[in-house]
Every structure is written in C-alpha cells, then in structure tokens.
Amino acid sequence: MNLKGREVAGIVILLVVVGAVMGWRWFKSPGREPLVFEEPAPPPVEEKAPEAAFIAVHVAGAVKNPGVYTLKEGARALDALQAAGGAHPEADEHAFNLAQPLYDGQRIEIPFKRGEGQDPEPGGTPGGSGALININTATARELEALPNIGPARAAQIVEHREKHGYFKSVDELTRVSGIGDKILASLRDLVTIY
C-alpha cells in the first residue's frame, strides 16, 4: 500500500473512532433518557353494574291482594307481604315468620286468626285451616304436629334442612334418618316445600 492509501485508511479509522466516541458521549449525556419500548395499554373496559336478580313468590292467605309477585333476590317474607298490599285485618301475622328469606318459586301463606272451635296449639294441620306444613320453614314444634313425627324426627328434619339447604321435593324427606317410604306416604298430603 502506498503512502496515500495509508493516509486515507488512517483518516477513515480516525473518523470512525471520533464518530464512535462522539456517539458514545451523546448516548451517555445527562438528561438523555434511554429509549424504552412499551407495549400499548389495553383499551379501557367498561364496567357494568351487576344486574339485580329477581325471584317470583306466590303470596296467599290473609293478605289484601294475593298473587304472584316479583321481588329482588334476598327479599324477606315481610317484603312479599308488603308487595301483596299488606295483611288482611283478620290475619295472624305473628303466626308466620316475616323475617324468613325467600327463594324463587316459594309460596308463602299468611294464616288467618284462629276462630272458635280450632285447636289453640298446632295439631293435625296448622291452625286447623287445612293448610299444609312447609317443611322448608316449619319449626321443630310445628313438624311434631305431623303423624309419625315426634321431637327427635322433627329435630332431624330441621337439622338436615340447616345442613343441606331447602328440600327441593317432599320425597327428599327420605334422606332424613328414620323416614322411609311408609312414613313419607303418611306425610305426603300434609306437607309442602312452598
């Protein structure tokens, strides 16, 4: 290589070195932020208010406007009574648990006050009115009024209901210890799940 070629090569090398040093200083200069590649943020998600769930209940008995009413999930028997226009003047509101939670498809019956000649205590059927005993809401004492159901079986029915939830059919009574097909047959026309 002749002298002129060496000079050109030296100048080129010098320019590359100077360019690299200048680039390095510029890259490291204070106040210069490094390039950061960020992923684009996802589009905002519109939050919708949760839709309220509703249940339908049948309100019967001593109420001003018996019928089927739609209530918000989590409603109580008192809400159903109010939806039906309130109690009839002859209603025995205290014979019914107005604080009980309601479920879809439930029938609640507000009893009339007991007239003369009716048993003062539950016996046979509640209030002597021919109403069915609701095995999902009845107390142990009310269940004892049923044939073949003494204090022990009544307590077992209540315990089973509290442990496993409401009965979905009268036939599920056979899941309670001591209740077989024969006892179920004696209860079938006296009890309800609504």
N, C-alpha and C. Protein backbone atom coordinates (compact mmCIF):
# COMPACT_ATOMS: atom_id res chain seq x y z
N MET A 1 0.85 -1.17 0.00
CA MET A 1 0.00 0.00 0.00
C MET A 1 0.90 1.23 0.00
N ASN A 2 0.61 2.15 -0.82
CA ASN A 2 1.43 3.34 -0.87
C ASN A 2 1.03 4.30 0.23
N LEU A 3 1.74 5.35 0.34
CA LEU A 3 1.57 6.32 1.41
C LEU A 3 0.20 6.97 1.32
N LYS A 4 -0.25 7.26 0.18
CA LYS A 4 -1.54 7.90 0.04
C LYS A 4 -2.65 6.97 0.50
N GLY A 5 -2.57 5.69 0.23
CA GLY A 5 -3.57 4.71 0.67
C GLY A 5 -3.58 4.59 2.17
N ARG A 6 -2.33 4.66 2.77
CA ARG A 6 -2.23 4.59 4.23
C ARG A 6 -2.85 5.83 4.87
N GLU A 7 -2.65 6.94 4.29
CA GLU A 7 -3.21 8.17 4.83
C GLU A 7 -4.73 8.13 4.79
N VAL A 8 -5.27 7.67 3.71
CA VAL A 8 -6.72 7.58 3.58
C VAL A 8 -7.26 6.58 4.60
N ALA A 9 -6.59 5.43 4.76
CA ALA A 9 -7.03 4.42 5.73
C ALA A 9 -6.94 4.98 7.13
N GLY A 10 -5.91 5.73 7.46
CA GLY A 10 -5.76 6.33 8.77
C GLY A 10 -6.84 7.35 9.05
N ILE A 11 -7.17 8.14 8.03
CA ILE A 11 -8.22 9.15 8.19
C ILE A 11 -9.56 8.46 8.41
N VAL A 12 -9.79 7.42 7.66
CA VAL A 12 -11.07 6.68 7.81
C VAL A 12 -11.16 6.09 9.22
N ILE A 13 -10.07 5.48 9.70
CA ILE A 13 -10.06 4.89 11.05
C ILE A 13 -10.26 5.99 12.08
N LEU A 14 -9.58 7.13 11.90
CA LEU A 14 -9.72 8.24 12.83
C LEU A 14 -11.16 8.74 12.86
N LEU A 15 -11.78 8.85 11.71
CA LEU A 15 -13.17 9.31 11.66
C LEU A 15 -14.11 8.31 12.34
N VAL A 16 -13.86 7.03 12.16
CA VAL A 16 -14.70 6.00 12.79
C VAL A 16 -14.56 6.10 14.31
N VAL A 17 -13.31 6.25 14.80
CA VAL A 17 -13.06 6.34 16.24
C VAL A 17 -13.70 7.60 16.79
N VAL A 18 -13.50 8.75 16.13
CA VAL A 18 -14.08 10.01 16.60
C VAL A 18 -15.61 9.90 16.59
N GLY A 19 -16.17 9.31 15.55
CA GLY A 19 -17.62 9.15 15.46
C GLY A 19 -18.15 8.26 16.58
N ALA A 20 -17.41 7.20 16.89
CA ALA A 20 -17.83 6.29 17.96
C ALA A 20 -17.79 7.00 19.31
N VAL A 21 -16.70 7.76 19.56
CA VAL A 21 -16.57 8.48 20.83
C VAL A 21 -17.66 9.54 20.95
N MET A 22 -17.91 10.26 19.90
CA MET A 22 -18.95 11.30 19.93
C MET A 22 -20.33 10.65 20.14
N GLY A 23 -20.58 9.58 19.46
CA GLY A 23 -21.86 8.88 19.62
C GLY A 23 -22.02 8.37 21.04
N TRP A 24 -20.96 7.83 21.61
CA TRP A 24 -20.99 7.31 22.98
C TRP A 24 -21.28 8.42 23.98
N ARG A 25 -20.62 9.56 23.80
CA ARG A 25 -20.84 10.70 24.70
C ARG A 25 -22.28 11.22 24.57
N TRP A 26 -22.75 11.30 23.35
CA TRP A 26 -24.13 11.76 23.14
C TRP A 26 -25.11 10.80 23.80
N PHE A 27 -24.89 9.51 23.67
CA PHE A 27 -25.77 8.48 24.23
C PHE A 27 -25.76 8.54 25.75
N LYS A 28 -24.59 8.81 26.34
CA LYS A 28 -24.44 8.84 27.80
C LYS A 28 -24.61 10.23 28.38
N SER A 29 -24.94 11.22 27.57
CA SER A 29 -25.03 12.59 28.08
C SER A 29 -26.16 12.68 29.11
N PRO A 30 -25.98 13.53 30.20
CA PRO A 30 -27.01 13.68 31.22
C PRO A 30 -28.27 14.29 30.64
N GLY A 31 -29.41 13.86 31.20
CA GLY A 31 -30.69 14.37 30.74
C GLY A 31 -31.24 13.62 29.56
N ARG A 32 -30.46 12.79 28.98
CA ARG A 32 -30.95 11.98 27.87
C ARG A 32 -31.50 10.69 28.43
N GLU A 33 -32.75 10.44 28.14
CA GLU A 33 -33.38 9.22 28.63
C GLU A 33 -33.20 8.12 27.60
N PRO A 34 -32.93 6.93 28.08
CA PRO A 34 -32.77 5.82 27.13
C PRO A 34 -34.10 5.51 26.46
N LEU A 35 -34.00 4.98 25.30
CA LEU A 35 -35.21 4.59 24.57
C LEU A 35 -35.82 3.36 25.24
N VAL A 36 -37.11 3.44 25.55
CA VAL A 36 -37.82 2.31 26.16
C VAL A 36 -39.02 2.02 25.29
N PHE A 37 -39.15 0.78 24.93
CA PHE A 37 -40.27 0.37 24.10
C PHE A 37 -41.34 -0.23 25.01
N GLU A 38 -42.48 0.42 25.08
CA GLU A 38 -43.57 -0.05 25.93
C GLU A 38 -44.66 -0.66 25.06
N GLU A 39 -45.34 -1.66 25.66
CA GLU A 39 -46.48 -2.24 24.97
C GLU A 39 -47.65 -1.28 25.11
N PRO A 40 -48.45 -1.17 24.10
CA PRO A 40 -49.61 -0.26 24.22
C PRO A 40 -50.56 -0.75 25.31
N ALA A 41 -51.14 0.19 26.03
CA ALA A 41 -52.08 -0.16 27.09
C ALA A 41 -53.35 -0.73 26.47
N PRO A 42 -53.95 -1.73 27.14
CA PRO A 42 -55.20 -2.28 26.60
C PRO A 42 -56.30 -1.23 26.69
N PRO A 43 -57.27 -1.33 25.81
CA PRO A 43 -58.36 -0.34 25.86
C PRO A 43 -59.12 -0.47 27.17
N PRO A 44 -59.63 0.63 27.69
CA PRO A 44 -60.35 0.56 28.97
C PRO A 44 -61.59 -0.32 28.86
N VAL A 45 -61.84 -1.09 29.92
CA VAL A 45 -63.00 -1.98 29.95
C VAL A 45 -64.13 -1.25 30.65
N GLU A 46 -65.27 -1.23 29.99
CA GLU A 46 -66.43 -0.58 30.60
C GLU A 46 -66.98 -1.47 31.69
N GLU A 47 -67.08 -0.95 32.89
CA GLU A 47 -67.63 -1.72 33.99
C GLU A 47 -69.13 -1.50 34.04
N LYS A 48 -69.86 -2.61 33.99
CA LYS A 48 -71.31 -2.52 34.07
C LYS A 48 -71.73 -2.87 35.49
N ALA A 49 -72.71 -2.19 35.94
CA ALA A 49 -73.26 -2.50 37.26
C ALA A 49 -73.88 -3.89 37.19
N PRO A 50 -73.66 -4.72 38.23
CA PRO A 50 -74.25 -6.05 38.19
C PRO A 50 -75.77 -5.96 38.13
N GLU A 51 -76.34 -6.82 37.30
CA GLU A 51 -77.79 -6.82 37.15
C GLU A 51 -78.40 -7.45 38.39
N ALA A 52 -79.45 -6.85 38.87
CA ALA A 52 -80.13 -7.39 40.04
C ALA A 52 -80.89 -8.64 39.63
N ALA A 53 -80.80 -9.66 40.46
CA ALA A 53 -81.52 -10.90 40.20
C ALA A 53 -82.89 -10.80 40.87
N PHE A 54 -83.87 -11.42 40.26
CA PHE A 54 -85.22 -11.38 40.78
C PHE A 54 -85.74 -12.78 41.02
N ILE A 55 -86.70 -12.89 41.94
CA ILE A 55 -87.38 -14.15 42.22
C ILE A 55 -88.87 -13.90 42.15
N ALA A 56 -89.63 -14.96 41.91
CA ALA A 56 -91.08 -14.87 41.90
C ALA A 56 -91.61 -15.68 43.08
N VAL A 57 -92.49 -15.08 43.87
CA VAL A 57 -93.10 -15.77 45.01
C VAL A 57 -94.61 -15.65 44.95
N HIS A 58 -95.29 -16.67 45.45
CA HIS A 58 -96.74 -16.68 45.50
C HIS A 58 -97.16 -16.33 46.92
N VAL A 59 -97.87 -15.24 47.07
CA VAL A 59 -98.33 -14.79 48.38
C VAL A 59 -99.82 -15.11 48.47
N ALA A 60 -100.21 -15.88 49.49
CA ALA A 60 -101.60 -16.32 49.63
C ALA A 60 -102.05 -16.17 51.07
N GLY A 61 -103.32 -16.48 51.29
CA GLY A 61 -103.86 -16.45 52.64
C GLY A 61 -104.41 -15.09 53.00
N ALA A 62 -104.15 -14.67 54.23
CA ALA A 62 -104.75 -13.46 54.78
C ALA A 62 -103.99 -12.21 54.36
N VAL A 63 -104.01 -11.92 53.06
CA VAL A 63 -103.39 -10.70 52.53
C VAL A 63 -104.43 -9.96 51.68
N LYS A 64 -104.22 -8.68 51.49
CA LYS A 64 -105.20 -7.87 50.75
C LYS A 64 -105.25 -8.23 49.27
N ASN A 65 -104.10 -8.52 48.66
CA ASN A 65 -104.05 -8.82 47.23
C ASN A 65 -103.21 -10.07 46.97
N PRO A 66 -103.76 -11.26 47.20
CA PRO A 66 -102.98 -12.46 46.96
C PRO A 66 -102.58 -12.57 45.48
N GLY A 67 -101.43 -13.19 45.25
CA GLY A 67 -100.97 -13.36 43.87
C GLY A 67 -99.49 -13.65 43.82
N VAL A 68 -98.97 -13.65 42.59
CA VAL A 68 -97.55 -13.89 42.36
C VAL A 68 -96.86 -12.54 42.20
N TYR A 69 -95.75 -12.37 42.94
CA TYR A 69 -95.03 -11.10 42.92
C TYR A 69 -93.55 -11.34 42.61
N THR A 70 -92.96 -10.39 41.89
CA THR A 70 -91.54 -10.44 41.57
C THR A 70 -90.81 -9.52 42.54
N LEU A 71 -89.83 -10.09 43.23
CA LEU A 71 -89.07 -9.35 44.23
C LEU A 71 -87.59 -9.51 43.94
N LYS A 72 -86.78 -8.62 44.49
CA LYS A 72 -85.33 -8.75 44.33
C LYS A 72 -84.83 -9.95 45.12
N GLU A 73 -83.83 -10.61 44.58
CA GLU A 73 -83.21 -11.73 45.29
C GLU A 73 -82.72 -11.24 46.65
N GLY A 74 -82.92 -12.03 47.68
CA GLY A 74 -82.53 -11.63 49.02
C GLY A 74 -83.69 -11.03 49.81
N ALA A 75 -84.87 -10.95 49.18
CA ALA A 75 -86.04 -10.39 49.86
C ALA A 75 -86.49 -11.31 50.99
N ARG A 76 -87.23 -10.74 51.92
CA ARG A 76 -87.77 -11.47 53.06
C ARG A 76 -89.29 -11.58 52.93
N ALA A 77 -89.88 -12.42 53.77
CA ALA A 77 -91.34 -12.61 53.74
C ALA A 77 -92.08 -11.30 53.96
N LEU A 78 -91.53 -10.41 54.77
CA LEU A 78 -92.15 -9.11 55.01
C LEU A 78 -92.26 -8.32 53.70
N ASP A 79 -91.24 -8.41 52.85
CA ASP A 79 -91.27 -7.72 51.55
C ASP A 79 -92.41 -8.26 50.68
N ALA A 80 -92.61 -9.59 50.73
CA ALA A 80 -93.69 -10.20 49.95
C ALA A 80 -95.05 -9.77 50.48
N LEU A 81 -95.18 -9.70 51.81
CA LEU A 81 -96.44 -9.26 52.42
C LEU A 81 -96.75 -7.82 51.99
N GLN A 82 -95.75 -6.96 51.99
CA GLN A 82 -95.95 -5.57 51.58
C GLN A 82 -96.30 -5.48 50.10
N ALA A 83 -95.68 -6.34 49.27
CA ALA A 83 -95.99 -6.34 47.83
C ALA A 83 -97.44 -6.75 47.59
N ALA A 84 -97.99 -7.59 48.48
CA ALA A 84 -99.36 -8.06 48.35
C ALA A 84 -100.36 -7.09 48.99
N GLY A 85 -99.93 -5.88 49.29
CA GLY A 85 -100.82 -4.86 49.81
C GLY A 85 -100.98 -4.88 51.32
N GLY A 86 -100.21 -5.71 52.00
CA GLY A 86 -100.30 -5.78 53.45
C GLY A 86 -101.23 -6.90 53.91
N ALA A 87 -101.33 -7.03 55.21
CA ALA A 87 -102.12 -8.10 55.80
C ALA A 87 -103.61 -7.75 55.82
N HIS A 88 -104.43 -8.77 55.70
CA HIS A 88 -105.87 -8.68 55.86
C HIS A 88 -106.14 -8.37 57.33
N PRO A 89 -107.22 -7.66 57.67
CA PRO A 89 -107.49 -7.35 59.08
C PRO A 89 -107.60 -8.59 59.97
N GLU A 90 -107.96 -9.73 59.41
CA GLU A 90 -108.10 -10.95 60.19
C GLU A 90 -106.83 -11.82 60.15
N ALA A 91 -105.75 -11.27 59.65
CA ALA A 91 -104.51 -12.04 59.54
C ALA A 91 -103.84 -12.22 60.90
N ASP A 92 -103.21 -13.35 61.06
CA ASP A 92 -102.41 -13.61 62.26
C ASP A 92 -100.95 -13.53 61.83
N GLU A 93 -100.46 -12.29 61.67
CA GLU A 93 -99.11 -12.06 61.16
C GLU A 93 -98.04 -12.69 62.06
N HIS A 94 -98.31 -12.78 63.34
CA HIS A 94 -97.31 -13.28 64.27
C HIS A 94 -97.21 -14.81 64.25
N ALA A 95 -98.09 -15.47 63.52
CA ALA A 95 -98.01 -16.92 63.39
C ALA A 95 -97.12 -17.31 62.21
N PHE A 96 -96.57 -16.31 61.54
CA PHE A 96 -95.73 -16.55 60.36
C PHE A 96 -94.42 -15.81 60.52
N ASN A 97 -93.34 -16.41 60.13
CA ASN A 97 -92.01 -15.80 60.25
C ASN A 97 -91.81 -14.80 59.11
N LEU A 98 -92.03 -13.53 59.39
CA LEU A 98 -91.89 -12.49 58.37
C LEU A 98 -90.44 -12.17 58.04
N ALA A 99 -89.51 -12.67 58.84
CA ALA A 99 -88.08 -12.41 58.59
C ALA A 99 -87.44 -13.49 57.72
N GLN A 100 -88.17 -14.54 57.39
CA GLN A 100 -87.55 -15.63 56.64
C GLN A 100 -87.15 -15.19 55.24
N PRO A 101 -85.95 -15.62 54.79
CA PRO A 101 -85.52 -15.30 53.43
C PRO A 101 -86.37 -16.07 52.41
N LEU A 102 -86.58 -15.46 51.27
CA LEU A 102 -87.39 -16.08 50.23
C LEU A 102 -86.52 -16.69 49.14
N TYR A 103 -87.09 -17.65 48.43
CA TYR A 103 -86.40 -18.26 47.29
C TYR A 103 -87.37 -18.33 46.12
N ASP A 104 -86.83 -18.46 44.93
CA ASP A 104 -87.64 -18.44 43.72
C ASP A 104 -88.64 -19.60 43.72
N GLY A 105 -89.88 -19.30 43.41
CA GLY A 105 -90.92 -20.32 43.33
C GLY A 105 -91.60 -20.62 44.65
N GLN A 106 -91.25 -19.91 45.69
CA GLN A 106 -91.80 -20.18 47.01
C GLN A 106 -93.24 -19.69 47.12
N ARG A 107 -94.03 -20.42 47.87
CA ARG A 107 -95.39 -19.99 48.21
C ARG A 107 -95.38 -19.69 49.70
N ILE A 108 -95.84 -18.50 50.05
CA ILE A 108 -95.98 -18.18 51.48
C ILE A 108 -97.45 -17.89 51.74
N GLU A 109 -97.93 -18.42 52.83
CA GLU A 109 -99.33 -18.24 53.17
C GLU A 109 -99.43 -17.62 54.55
N ILE A 110 -100.00 -16.44 54.60
CA ILE A 110 -100.22 -15.75 55.88
C ILE A 110 -101.52 -16.31 56.45
N PRO A 111 -101.46 -16.89 57.64
CA PRO A 111 -102.67 -17.52 58.19
C PRO A 111 -103.66 -16.49 58.74
N PHE A 112 -104.93 -16.89 58.75
CA PHE A 112 -105.97 -16.09 59.40
C PHE A 112 -105.91 -16.38 60.90
N LYS A 113 -106.44 -15.48 61.70
CA LYS A 113 -106.52 -15.72 63.14
C LYS A 113 -107.41 -16.93 63.37
N ARG A 114 -107.11 -17.67 64.41
CA ARG A 114 -107.87 -18.88 64.71
C ARG A 114 -109.25 -18.51 65.23
N GLY A 115 -110.22 -19.18 64.65
CA GLY A 115 -111.60 -18.93 65.09
C GLY A 115 -111.97 -19.85 66.24
N GLU A 116 -113.18 -19.71 66.70
CA GLU A 116 -113.65 -20.55 67.79
C GLU A 116 -113.74 -21.99 67.30
N GLY A 117 -113.44 -22.91 68.19
CA GLY A 117 -113.52 -24.32 67.86
C GLY A 117 -112.25 -24.86 67.26
N GLN A 118 -111.26 -24.02 66.99
CA GLN A 118 -109.99 -24.50 66.45
C GLN A 118 -109.03 -24.76 67.59
N ASP A 119 -108.11 -25.67 67.38
CA ASP A 119 -107.14 -26.02 68.40
C ASP A 119 -106.29 -24.80 68.74
N PRO A 120 -106.03 -24.54 70.04
CA PRO A 120 -105.15 -23.44 70.39
C PRO A 120 -103.71 -23.74 70.06
N GLU A 121 -103.35 -25.00 69.96
CA GLU A 121 -101.98 -25.41 69.62
C GLU A 121 -102.01 -26.08 68.26
N PRO A 122 -100.89 -26.08 67.55
CA PRO A 122 -100.88 -26.78 66.28
C PRO A 122 -101.21 -28.25 66.48
N GLY A 123 -102.04 -28.77 65.62
CA GLY A 123 -102.38 -30.19 65.69
C GLY A 123 -102.98 -30.59 64.36
N GLY A 124 -102.53 -31.68 63.82
CA GLY A 124 -103.02 -32.12 62.52
C GLY A 124 -102.47 -31.21 61.45
N THR A 125 -103.14 -30.11 61.23
CA THR A 125 -102.64 -29.12 60.28
C THR A 125 -102.62 -27.78 60.98
N PRO A 126 -101.75 -26.88 60.59
CA PRO A 126 -101.61 -25.62 61.31
C PRO A 126 -102.92 -24.83 61.36
N GLY A 127 -103.29 -24.41 62.55
CA GLY A 127 -104.46 -23.55 62.72
C GLY A 127 -105.76 -24.24 62.41
N GLY A 128 -105.73 -25.54 62.18
CA GLY A 128 -106.94 -26.26 61.86
C GLY A 128 -107.54 -25.79 60.54
N SER A 129 -106.79 -25.08 59.72
CA SER A 129 -107.35 -24.50 58.49
C SER A 129 -107.15 -25.38 57.28
N GLY A 130 -106.50 -26.52 57.44
CA GLY A 130 -106.24 -27.39 56.30
C GLY A 130 -105.00 -26.98 55.53
N ALA A 131 -104.27 -25.99 56.02
CA ALA A 131 -103.06 -25.55 55.33
C ALA A 131 -101.97 -26.61 55.49
N LEU A 132 -101.13 -26.71 54.50
CA LEU A 132 -100.02 -27.66 54.54
C LEU A 132 -98.87 -27.09 55.36
N ILE A 133 -98.09 -27.98 55.96
CA ILE A 133 -96.90 -27.55 56.70
C ILE A 133 -95.73 -27.49 55.74
N ASN A 134 -95.08 -26.35 55.70
CA ASN A 134 -93.92 -26.15 54.82
C ASN A 134 -92.69 -26.73 55.51
N ILE A 135 -92.16 -27.82 54.97
CA ILE A 135 -91.01 -28.48 55.60
C ILE A 135 -89.73 -27.66 55.45
N ASN A 136 -89.76 -26.62 54.62
CA ASN A 136 -88.59 -25.75 54.46
C ASN A 136 -88.58 -24.60 55.46
N THR A 137 -89.71 -24.33 56.10
CA THR A 137 -89.76 -23.18 57.02
C THR A 137 -90.32 -23.53 58.39
N ALA A 138 -90.95 -24.69 58.54
CA ALA A 138 -91.60 -25.04 59.80
C ALA A 138 -90.58 -25.23 60.92
N THR A 139 -90.99 -24.87 62.13
CA THR A 139 -90.16 -25.12 63.30
C THR A 139 -90.29 -26.59 63.69
N ALA A 140 -89.40 -27.04 64.55
CA ALA A 140 -89.48 -28.43 65.02
C ALA A 140 -90.83 -28.68 65.69
N ARG A 141 -91.31 -27.72 66.46
CA ARG A 141 -92.60 -27.88 67.15
C ARG A 141 -93.74 -28.03 66.14
N GLU A 142 -93.71 -27.25 65.06
CA GLU A 142 -94.75 -27.37 64.03
C GLU A 142 -94.67 -28.72 63.33
N LEU A 143 -93.47 -29.22 63.11
CA LEU A 143 -93.30 -30.52 62.45
C LEU A 143 -93.80 -31.66 63.34
N GLU A 144 -93.72 -31.49 64.66
CA GLU A 144 -94.18 -32.53 65.58
C GLU A 144 -95.68 -32.76 65.46
N ALA A 145 -96.42 -31.82 64.91
CA ALA A 145 -97.87 -31.98 64.73
C ALA A 145 -98.20 -33.00 63.65
N LEU A 146 -97.22 -33.38 62.86
CA LEU A 146 -97.42 -34.35 61.78
C LEU A 146 -97.45 -35.77 62.33
N PRO A 147 -98.20 -36.68 61.69
CA PRO A 147 -98.21 -38.06 62.15
C PRO A 147 -96.84 -38.70 61.96
N ASN A 148 -96.44 -39.53 62.90
CA ASN A 148 -95.18 -40.28 62.88
C ASN A 148 -93.94 -39.39 63.03
N ILE A 149 -94.14 -38.14 63.38
CA ILE A 149 -93.00 -37.23 63.59
C ILE A 149 -93.03 -36.78 65.05
N GLY A 150 -92.13 -37.30 65.83
CA GLY A 150 -92.00 -36.88 67.22
C GLY A 150 -90.91 -35.84 67.34
N PRO A 151 -90.53 -35.49 68.56
CA PRO A 151 -89.50 -34.48 68.77
C PRO A 151 -88.16 -34.83 68.10
N ALA A 152 -87.76 -36.10 68.16
CA ALA A 152 -86.46 -36.49 67.60
C ALA A 152 -86.45 -36.35 66.07
N ARG A 153 -87.48 -36.86 65.41
CA ARG A 153 -87.53 -36.76 63.94
C ARG A 153 -87.70 -35.31 63.49
N ALA A 154 -88.49 -34.55 64.23
CA ALA A 154 -88.67 -33.14 63.88
C ALA A 154 -87.33 -32.41 63.95
N ALA A 155 -86.56 -32.70 65.00
CA ALA A 155 -85.23 -32.08 65.13
C ALA A 155 -84.31 -32.52 63.99
N GLN A 156 -84.43 -33.79 63.57
CA GLN A 156 -83.60 -34.28 62.47
C GLN A 156 -83.96 -33.60 61.15
N ILE A 157 -85.24 -33.34 60.94
CA ILE A 157 -85.68 -32.65 59.72
C ILE A 157 -85.08 -31.24 59.69
N VAL A 158 -85.19 -30.53 60.80
CA VAL A 158 -84.66 -29.17 60.87
C VAL A 158 -83.14 -29.19 60.70
N GLU A 159 -82.47 -30.15 61.33
CA GLU A 159 -81.01 -30.26 61.23
C GLU A 159 -80.59 -30.55 59.79
N HIS A 160 -81.30 -31.47 59.13
CA HIS A 160 -80.99 -31.79 57.73
C HIS A 160 -81.16 -30.56 56.85
N ARG A 161 -82.23 -29.81 57.07
CA ARG A 161 -82.51 -28.60 56.28
C ARG A 161 -81.42 -27.55 56.48
N GLU A 162 -80.97 -27.39 57.73
CA GLU A 162 -79.94 -26.39 58.01
C GLU A 162 -78.59 -26.81 57.42
N LYS A 163 -78.33 -28.11 57.39
CA LYS A 163 -77.04 -28.60 56.90
C LYS A 163 -76.99 -28.66 55.37
N HIS A 164 -78.09 -29.07 54.73
CA HIS A 164 -78.09 -29.32 53.28
C HIS A 164 -78.91 -28.30 52.48
N GLY A 165 -79.58 -27.36 53.15
CA GLY A 165 -80.40 -26.39 52.43
C GLY A 165 -81.83 -26.87 52.30
N TYR A 166 -82.64 -26.05 51.64
CA TYR A 166 -84.06 -26.36 51.50
C TYR A 166 -84.28 -27.68 50.76
N PHE A 167 -85.37 -28.35 51.13
CA PHE A 167 -85.80 -29.55 50.41
C PHE A 167 -86.31 -29.10 49.05
N LYS A 168 -85.95 -29.81 48.00
CA LYS A 168 -86.39 -29.45 46.65
C LYS A 168 -87.67 -30.21 46.28
N SER A 169 -87.97 -31.26 47.02
CA SER A 169 -89.22 -32.00 46.84
C SER A 169 -89.56 -32.68 48.16
N VAL A 170 -90.84 -33.03 48.33
CA VAL A 170 -91.28 -33.72 49.54
C VAL A 170 -90.58 -35.08 49.64
N ASP A 171 -90.31 -35.71 48.51
CA ASP A 171 -89.65 -37.02 48.51
C ASP A 171 -88.28 -37.00 49.17
N GLU A 172 -87.64 -35.84 49.23
CA GLU A 172 -86.32 -35.74 49.87
C GLU A 172 -86.38 -35.96 51.38
N LEU A 173 -87.57 -36.02 51.95
CA LEU A 173 -87.68 -36.33 53.38
C LEU A 173 -87.09 -37.71 53.69
N THR A 174 -87.04 -38.59 52.69
CA THR A 174 -86.47 -39.92 52.93
C THR A 174 -84.96 -39.86 53.16
N ARG A 175 -84.35 -38.73 52.91
CA ARG A 175 -82.92 -38.55 53.19
C ARG A 175 -82.67 -38.33 54.68
N VAL A 176 -83.75 -38.05 55.42
CA VAL A 176 -83.64 -37.85 56.87
C VAL A 176 -83.69 -39.22 57.53
N SER A 177 -82.76 -39.46 58.43
CA SER A 177 -82.68 -40.74 59.12
C SER A 177 -84.01 -41.08 59.81
N GLY A 178 -84.51 -42.29 59.58
CA GLY A 178 -85.74 -42.75 60.24
C GLY A 178 -87.00 -42.48 59.44
N ILE A 179 -86.89 -41.80 58.31
CA ILE A 179 -88.08 -41.57 57.48
C ILE A 179 -87.94 -42.41 56.21
N GLY A 180 -88.80 -43.39 56.11
CA GLY A 180 -88.81 -44.27 54.94
C GLY A 180 -90.04 -44.01 54.09
N ASP A 181 -90.27 -44.90 53.13
CA ASP A 181 -91.39 -44.73 52.21
C ASP A 181 -92.74 -44.75 52.91
N LYS A 182 -92.88 -45.57 53.95
CA LYS A 182 -94.16 -45.69 54.66
C LYS A 182 -94.50 -44.38 55.39
N ILE A 183 -93.52 -43.83 56.10
CA ILE A 183 -93.76 -42.56 56.80
C ILE A 183 -93.98 -41.44 55.78
N LEU A 184 -93.19 -41.44 54.71
CA LEU A 184 -93.35 -40.43 53.66
C LEU A 184 -94.77 -40.45 53.11
N ALA A 185 -95.32 -41.66 52.89
CA ALA A 185 -96.69 -41.78 52.37
C ALA A 185 -97.70 -41.16 53.33
N SER A 186 -97.45 -41.27 54.64
CA SER A 186 -98.39 -40.70 55.61
C SER A 186 -98.28 -39.17 55.68
N LEU A 187 -97.16 -38.62 55.19
CA LEU A 187 -96.93 -37.17 55.25
C LEU A 187 -97.24 -36.44 53.94
N ARG A 188 -97.23 -37.18 52.85
CA ARG A 188 -97.28 -36.57 51.52
C ARG A 188 -98.40 -35.55 51.34
N ASP A 189 -99.60 -35.81 51.85
CA ASP A 189 -100.72 -34.89 51.66
C ASP A 189 -100.81 -33.81 52.73
N LEU A 190 -99.83 -33.80 53.66
CA LEU A 190 -99.87 -32.83 54.77
C LEU A 190 -98.76 -31.80 54.72
N VAL A 191 -97.77 -32.02 53.84
CA VAL A 191 -96.61 -31.14 53.81
C VAL A 191 -96.40 -30.57 52.42
N THR A 192 -95.62 -29.50 52.37
CA THR A 192 -95.26 -28.87 51.11
C THR A 192 -93.86 -28.29 51.22
N ILE A 193 -93.26 -27.97 50.09
CA ILE A 193 -91.95 -27.30 50.12
C ILE A 193 -92.12 -25.81 49.79
N TYR A 194 -93.35 -25.38 49.55
CA TYR A 194 -93.62 -23.97 49.21
C TYR A 194 -94.42 -23.31 50.31
